PDB file of all heavy atoms in Angstrom:
ATOM      1  N   GLY A   1       0.877  -1.217   0.000  1.00  0.00           N
ATOM      2  CA  GLY A   1      -0.006  -0.040   0.017  1.00  0.00           C
ATOM      3  C   GLY A   1       0.817   1.262  -0.020  1.00  0.00           C
ATOM      4  O   GLY A   1       0.268   2.381  -0.190  1.00  0.00           O
ATOM      5  N   ARG A   2       2.142   1.162   0.219  1.00  0.00           N
ATOM      6  CA  ARG A   2       2.950   2.256   0.299  1.00  0.00           C
ATOM      7  C   ARG A   2       4.023   2.351  -0.812  1.00  0.00           C
ATOM      8  O   ARG A   2       4.789   3.306  -0.946  1.00  0.00           O
ATOM      9  CB  ARG A   2       3.694   2.432   1.636  1.00  0.00           C
ATOM     10  CG  ARG A   2       2.638   2.593   2.799  1.00  0.00           C
ATOM     11  CD  ARG A   2       3.493   2.906   4.069  1.00  0.00           C
ATOM     12  NE  ARG A   2       4.297   1.739   4.514  1.00  0.00           N
ATOM     13  CZ  ARG A   2       5.558   1.921   4.840  1.00  0.00           C
ATOM     14  NH1 ARG A   2       6.233   3.102   4.645  1.00  0.00           N
ATOM     15  NH2 ARG A   2       6.285   0.868   5.159  1.00  0.00           N
ATOM     16  N   SER A   3       4.174   1.227  -1.499  1.00  0.00           N
ATOM     17  CA  SER A   3       5.307   0.976  -2.440  1.00  0.00           C
ATOM     18  C   SER A   3       4.788   0.499  -3.750  1.00  0.00           C
ATOM     19  O   SER A   3       3.806  -0.211  -3.853  1.00  0.00           O
ATOM     20  CB  SER A   3       6.374   0.112  -1.915  1.00  0.00           C
ATOM     21  OG  SER A   3       6.929   0.632  -0.680  1.00  0.00           O
ATOM     22  N   THR A   4       5.546   0.798  -4.809  1.00  0.00           N
ATOM     23  CA  THR A   4       5.278   0.282  -6.195  1.00  0.00           C
ATOM     24  C   THR A   4       6.608  -0.034  -6.786  1.00  0.00           C
ATOM     25  O   THR A   4       7.478   0.850  -6.867  1.00  0.00           O
ATOM     26  CB  THR A   4       4.538   1.307  -6.955  1.00  0.00           C
ATOM     27  OG1 THR A   4       3.316   1.715  -6.398  1.00  0.00           O
ATOM     28  CG2 THR A   4       4.238   0.730  -8.415  1.00  0.00           C
ATOM     29  N   ILE A   5       6.665  -1.213  -7.321  1.00  0.00           N
ATOM     30  CA  ILE A   5       7.892  -1.685  -7.963  1.00  0.00           C
ATOM     31  C   ILE A   5       7.603  -1.809  -9.408  1.00  0.00           C
ATOM     32  O   ILE A   5       6.560  -2.426  -9.809  1.00  0.00           O
ATOM     33  CB  ILE A   5       8.480  -2.925  -7.300  1.00  0.00           C
ATOM     34  CG1 ILE A   5       9.858  -3.236  -7.909  1.00  0.00           C
ATOM     35  CG2 ILE A   5       7.580  -4.133  -7.458  1.00  0.00           C
ATOM     36  CD1 ILE A   5      10.639  -4.279  -7.145  1.00  0.00           C
ATOM     37  N   PHE A   6       8.493  -1.514 -10.226  1.00  0.00           N
ATOM     38  CA  PHE A   6       8.332  -1.652 -11.775  1.00  0.00           C
ATOM     39  C   PHE A   6       9.629  -1.806 -12.408  1.00  0.00           C
ATOM     40  O   PHE A   6      10.692  -1.210 -11.938  1.00  0.00           O
ATOM     41  CB  PHE A   6       7.442  -0.502 -12.358  1.00  0.00           C
ATOM     42  CG  PHE A   6       7.970   0.878 -12.018  1.00  0.00           C
ATOM     43  CD1 PHE A   6       8.752   1.613 -12.897  1.00  0.00           C
ATOM     44  CD2 PHE A   6       7.652   1.482 -10.813  1.00  0.00           C
ATOM     45  CE1 PHE A   6       9.239   2.851 -12.559  1.00  0.00           C
ATOM     46  CE2 PHE A   6       8.043   2.767 -10.511  1.00  0.00           C
ATOM     47  CZ  PHE A   6       8.906   3.451 -11.402  1.00  0.00           C
ATOM     48  N   MET A   7       9.596  -2.531 -13.466  1.00  0.00           N
ATOM     49  CA  MET A   7      10.859  -2.782 -14.249  1.00  0.00           C
ATOM     50  C   MET A   7      10.927  -2.123 -15.645  1.00  0.00           C
ATOM     51  O   MET A   7       9.879  -2.144 -16.370  1.00  0.00           O
ATOM     52  CB  MET A   7      11.006  -4.292 -14.402  1.00  0.00           C
ATOM     53  CG  MET A   7      12.331  -4.721 -15.124  1.00  0.00           C
ATOM     54  SD  MET A   7      12.415  -6.541 -15.385  1.00  0.00           S
ATOM     55  CE  MET A   7      12.577  -7.173 -13.688  1.00  0.00           C
ATOM     56  N   ASP A   8      12.035  -1.600 -15.926  1.00  0.00           N
ATOM     57  CA  ASP A   8      12.276  -1.113 -17.303  1.00  0.00           C
ATOM     58  C   ASP A   8      13.171  -2.202 -17.886  1.00  0.00           C
ATOM     59  O   ASP A   8      14.459  -2.141 -17.661  1.00  0.00           O
ATOM     60  CB  ASP A   8      13.005   0.241 -17.349  1.00  0.00           C
ATOM     61  CG  ASP A   8      13.181   0.810 -18.695  1.00  0.00           C
ATOM     62  OD1 ASP A   8      13.265   0.025 -19.631  1.00  0.00           O
ATOM     63  OD2 ASP A   8      13.329   2.022 -18.808  1.00  0.00           O
ATOM     64  N   ASN A   9      12.569  -3.150 -18.602  1.00  0.00           N
ATOM     65  CA  ASN A   9      13.283  -4.268 -19.135  1.00  0.00           C
ATOM     66  C   ASN A   9      14.368  -3.957 -20.115  1.00  0.00           C
ATOM     67  O   ASN A   9      15.536  -4.479 -20.105  1.00  0.00           O
ATOM     68  CB  ASN A   9      12.380  -5.309 -19.727  1.00  0.00           C
ATOM     69  CG  ASN A   9      12.973  -6.684 -19.899  1.00  0.00           C
ATOM     70  OD1 ASN A   9      13.594  -7.214 -19.040  1.00  0.00           O
ATOM     71  ND2 ASN A   9      12.819  -7.204 -21.108  1.00  0.00           N
ATOM     72  N   ALA A  10      14.093  -2.922 -20.944  1.00  0.00           N
ATOM     73  CA  ALA A  10      15.083  -2.531 -21.922  1.00  0.00           C
ATOM     74  C   ALA A  10      16.357  -1.953 -21.333  1.00  0.00           C
ATOM     75  O   ALA A  10      17.448  -2.161 -21.896  1.00  0.00           O
ATOM     76  CB  ALA A  10      14.436  -1.480 -22.975  1.00  0.00           C
ATOM     77  N   LYS A  11      16.199  -1.304 -20.183  1.00  0.00           N
ATOM     78  CA  LYS A  11      17.288  -0.686 -19.538  1.00  0.00           C
ATOM     79  C   LYS A  11      17.897  -1.555 -18.395  1.00  0.00           C
ATOM     80  O   LYS A  11      18.881  -1.231 -17.754  1.00  0.00           O
ATOM     81  CB  LYS A  11      17.008   0.684 -18.931  1.00  0.00           C
ATOM     82  CG  LYS A  11      16.686   1.721 -20.028  1.00  0.00           C
ATOM     83  CD  LYS A  11      16.338   3.084 -19.342  1.00  0.00           C
ATOM     84  CE  LYS A  11      16.049   4.115 -20.370  1.00  0.00           C
ATOM     85  NZ  LYS A  11      15.863   5.423 -19.854  1.00  0.00           N
ATOM     86  N   ARG A  12      17.248  -2.705 -18.257  1.00  0.00           N
ATOM     87  CA  ARG A  12      17.648  -3.724 -17.179  1.00  0.00           C
ATOM     88  C   ARG A  12      17.772  -3.041 -15.872  1.00  0.00           C
ATOM     89  O   ARG A  12      18.686  -3.235 -15.077  1.00  0.00           O
ATOM     90  CB  ARG A  12      19.060  -4.323 -17.608  1.00  0.00           C
ATOM     91  CG  ARG A  12      19.024  -4.971 -19.009  1.00  0.00           C
ATOM     92  CD  ARG A  12      20.232  -5.899 -19.240  1.00  0.00           C
ATOM     93  NE  ARG A  12      21.467  -5.164 -19.258  1.00  0.00           N
ATOM     94  CZ  ARG A  12      22.665  -5.676 -19.489  1.00  0.00           C
ATOM     95  NH1 ARG A  12      22.746  -6.983 -19.799  1.00  0.00           N
ATOM     96  NH2 ARG A  12      23.808  -4.976 -19.444  1.00  0.00           N
ATOM     97  N   THR A  13      16.656  -2.309 -15.541  1.00  0.00           N
ATOM     98  CA  THR A  13      16.508  -1.579 -14.349  1.00  0.00           C
ATOM     99  C   THR A  13      15.249  -1.728 -13.571  1.00  0.00           C
ATOM    100  O   THR A  13      14.238  -1.849 -14.302  1.00  0.00           O
ATOM    101  CB  THR A  13      16.712  -0.072 -14.635  1.00  0.00           C
ATOM    102  OG1 THR A  13      18.075   0.174 -15.129  1.00  0.00           O
ATOM    103  CG2 THR A  13      16.663   0.805 -13.414  1.00  0.00           C
ATOM    104  N   VAL A  14      15.334  -1.830 -12.327  1.00  0.00           N
ATOM    105  CA  VAL A  14      14.095  -1.928 -11.526  1.00  0.00           C
ATOM    106  C   VAL A  14      14.023  -0.659 -10.616  1.00  0.00           C
ATOM    107  O   VAL A  14      15.067  -0.227 -10.109  1.00  0.00           O
ATOM    108  CB  VAL A  14      14.088  -3.214 -10.704  1.00  0.00           C
ATOM    109  CG1 VAL A  14      15.114  -3.155  -9.588  1.00  0.00           C
ATOM    110  CG2 VAL A  14      12.681  -3.356 -10.049  1.00  0.00           C
ATOM    111  N   HIS A  15      12.798  -0.206 -10.456  1.00  0.00           N
ATOM    112  CA  HIS A  15      12.596   1.010  -9.671  1.00  0.00           C
ATOM    113  C   HIS A  15      11.661   0.676  -8.547  1.00  0.00           C
ATOM    114  O   HIS A  15      10.605   0.013  -8.739  1.00  0.00           O
ATOM    115  CB  HIS A  15      11.993   2.234 -10.422  1.00  0.00           C
ATOM    116  CG  HIS A  15      12.821   2.610 -11.563  1.00  0.00           C
ATOM    117  ND1 HIS A  15      13.993   3.344 -11.492  1.00  0.00           N
ATOM    118  CD2 HIS A  15      12.780   2.344 -12.932  1.00  0.00           C
ATOM    119  CE1 HIS A  15      14.565   3.536 -12.760  1.00  0.00           C
ATOM    120  NE2 HIS A  15      13.797   2.899 -13.544  1.00  0.00           N
ATOM    121  N   LEU A  16      11.819   1.081  -7.392  1.00  0.00           N
ATOM    122  CA  LEU A  16      10.965   0.903  -6.232  1.00  0.00           C
ATOM    123  C   LEU A  16      10.571   2.344  -5.666  1.00  0.00           C
ATOM    124  O   LEU A  16      11.435   3.039  -5.156  1.00  0.00           O
ATOM    125  CB  LEU A  16      11.603   0.126  -5.126  1.00  0.00           C
ATOM    126  CG  LEU A  16      10.895  -0.060  -3.799  1.00  0.00           C
ATOM    127  CD1 LEU A  16       9.564  -0.795  -4.063  1.00  0.00           C
ATOM    128  CD2 LEU A  16      11.685  -0.714  -2.715  1.00  0.00           C
ATOM    129  N   GLN A  17       9.321   2.697  -5.922  1.00  0.00           N
ATOM    130  CA  GLN A  17       8.863   3.989  -5.460  1.00  0.00           C
ATOM    131  C   GLN A  17       8.273   3.714  -4.078  1.00  0.00           C
ATOM    132  O   GLN A  17       7.322   2.948  -3.941  1.00  0.00           O
ATOM    133  CB  GLN A  17       7.763   4.527  -6.379  1.00  0.00           C
ATOM    134  CG  GLN A  17       7.181   5.792  -5.941  1.00  0.00           C
ATOM    135  CD  GLN A  17       8.112   6.987  -5.947  1.00  0.00           C
ATOM    136  OE1 GLN A  17       8.917   7.090  -6.815  1.00  0.00           O
ATOM    137  NE2 GLN A  17       7.921   7.848  -4.926  1.00  0.00           N
ATOM    138  N   MET A  18       8.748   4.408  -3.027  1.00  0.00           N
ATOM    139  CA  MET A  18       8.283   4.255  -1.699  1.00  0.00           C
ATOM    140  C   MET A  18       7.765   5.587  -1.232  1.00  0.00           C
ATOM    141  O   MET A  18       8.415   6.629  -1.260  1.00  0.00           O
ATOM    142  CB  MET A  18       9.413   3.819  -0.810  1.00  0.00           C
ATOM    143  CG  MET A  18      10.038   2.497  -1.208  1.00  0.00           C
ATOM    144  SD  MET A  18      11.384   1.912  -0.017  1.00  0.00           S
ATOM    145  CE  MET A  18      10.288   1.520   1.337  1.00  0.00           C
ATOM    146  N   ASP A  19       6.491   5.572  -0.781  1.00  0.00           N
ATOM    147  CA  ASP A  19       5.803   6.700  -0.200  1.00  0.00           C
ATOM    148  C   ASP A  19       5.468   6.461   1.256  1.00  0.00           C
ATOM    149  O   ASP A  19       5.468   5.427   1.729  1.00  0.00           O
ATOM    150  CB  ASP A  19       4.498   7.010  -1.110  1.00  0.00           C
ATOM    151  CG  ASP A  19       4.901   7.208  -2.561  1.00  0.00           C
ATOM    152  OD1 ASP A  19       5.733   7.965  -2.849  1.00  0.00           O
ATOM    153  OD2 ASP A  19       4.079   6.599  -3.364  1.00  0.00           O
ATOM    154  N   SER A  20       5.051   7.643   1.863  1.00  0.00           N
ATOM    155  CA  SER A  20       4.651   7.546   3.288  1.00  0.00           C
ATOM    156  C   SER A  20       5.632   6.791   4.155  1.00  0.00           C
ATOM    157  O   SER A  20       5.274   5.936   4.973  1.00  0.00           O
ATOM    158  CB  SER A  20       3.260   6.875   3.373  1.00  0.00           C
ATOM    159  OG  SER A  20       2.287   7.610   2.671  1.00  0.00           O
ATOM    160  N   LEU A  21       6.918   7.164   3.935  1.00  0.00           N
ATOM    161  CA  LEU A  21       7.994   6.421   4.696  1.00  0.00           C
ATOM    162  C   LEU A  21       7.908   6.728   6.186  1.00  0.00           C
ATOM    163  O   LEU A  21       7.520   7.827   6.583  1.00  0.00           O
ATOM    164  CB  LEU A  21       9.291   6.905   4.136  1.00  0.00           C
ATOM    165  CG  LEU A  21       9.698   6.269   2.731  1.00  0.00           C
ATOM    166  CD1 LEU A  21      10.788   7.009   2.122  1.00  0.00           C
ATOM    167  CD2 LEU A  21       9.951   4.721   2.926  1.00  0.00           C
ATOM    168  N   LYS A  22       8.303   5.747   6.912  1.00  0.00           N
ATOM    169  CA  LYS A  22       8.187   5.801   8.404  1.00  0.00           C
ATOM    170  C   LYS A  22       9.625   5.621   8.949  1.00  0.00           C
ATOM    171  O   LYS A  22      10.513   5.031   8.328  1.00  0.00           O
ATOM    172  CB  LYS A  22       7.312   4.810   8.909  1.00  0.00           C
ATOM    173  CG  LYS A  22       5.887   4.738   8.322  1.00  0.00           C
ATOM    174  CD  LYS A  22       5.128   3.497   8.862  1.00  0.00           C
ATOM    175  CE  LYS A  22       3.794   3.384   8.061  1.00  0.00           C
ATOM    176  NZ  LYS A  22       3.023   2.217   8.510  1.00  0.00           N
ATOM    177  N   PRO A  23       9.836   6.085  10.211  1.00  0.00           N
ATOM    178  CA  PRO A  23      11.163   5.801  10.798  1.00  0.00           C
ATOM    179  C   PRO A  23      11.548   4.315  10.814  1.00  0.00           C
ATOM    180  O   PRO A  23      12.722   4.069  10.725  1.00  0.00           O
ATOM    181  CB  PRO A  23      11.022   6.388  12.223  1.00  0.00           C
ATOM    182  CG  PRO A  23      10.003   7.479  12.069  1.00  0.00           C
ATOM    183  CD  PRO A  23       9.034   7.004  10.993  1.00  0.00           C
ATOM    184  N   GLU A  24      10.556   3.520  10.973  1.00  0.00           N
ATOM    185  CA  GLU A  24      10.867   2.028  10.988  1.00  0.00           C
ATOM    186  C   GLU A  24      11.331   1.499   9.675  1.00  0.00           C
ATOM    187  O   GLU A  24      11.768   0.368   9.597  1.00  0.00           O
ATOM    188  CB  GLU A  24       9.673   1.215  11.576  1.00  0.00           C
ATOM    189  CG  GLU A  24       8.377   1.612  10.887  1.00  0.00           C
ATOM    190  CD  GLU A  24       7.512   2.515  11.665  1.00  0.00           C
ATOM    191  OE1 GLU A  24       8.135   3.533  12.204  1.00  0.00           O
ATOM    192  OE2 GLU A  24       6.281   2.364  11.735  1.00  0.00           O
ATOM    193  N   ASP A  25      11.230   2.238   8.630  1.00  0.00           N
ATOM    194  CA  ASP A  25      11.757   1.912   7.296  1.00  0.00           C
ATOM    195  C   ASP A  25      13.250   2.072   7.215  1.00  0.00           C
ATOM    196  O   ASP A  25      13.846   1.706   6.192  1.00  0.00           O
ATOM    197  CB  ASP A  25      11.035   2.695   6.166  1.00  0.00           C
ATOM    198  CG  ASP A  25       9.557   2.304   6.071  1.00  0.00           C
ATOM    199  OD1 ASP A  25       9.220   1.108   6.156  1.00  0.00           O
ATOM    200  OD2 ASP A  25       8.734   3.272   5.901  1.00  0.00           O
ATOM    201  N   THR A  26      13.798   2.779   8.212  1.00  0.00           N
ATOM    202  CA  THR A  26      15.269   3.001   8.222  1.00  0.00           C
ATOM    203  C   THR A  26      16.054   1.731   8.394  1.00  0.00           C
ATOM    204  O   THR A  26      15.956   1.076   9.353  1.00  0.00           O
ATOM    205  CB  THR A  26      15.573   3.978   9.399  1.00  0.00           C
ATOM    206  OG1 THR A  26      14.899   5.295   9.191  1.00  0.00           O
ATOM    207  CG2 THR A  26      17.057   4.306   9.491  1.00  0.00           C
ATOM    208  N   THR A  27      16.904   1.504   7.365  1.00  0.00           N
ATOM    209  CA  THR A  27      17.884   0.447   7.379  1.00  0.00           C
ATOM    210  C   THR A  27      18.596   0.433   6.073  1.00  0.00           C
ATOM    211  O   THR A  27      18.427   1.324   5.156  1.00  0.00           O
ATOM    212  CB  THR A  27      17.115  -0.903   7.586  1.00  0.00           C
ATOM    213  OG1 THR A  27      18.021  -1.916   7.799  1.00  0.00           O
ATOM    214  CG2 THR A  27      16.268  -1.215   6.445  1.00  0.00           C
TER     215      THR A  27
END
């Protein structure tokens, strides 16, 4: 509910969009 992952296959790249980040996400 807070993240979206998507791949750009042509560029061999994955992106992870993270929203509403919390202190417990720290690592």
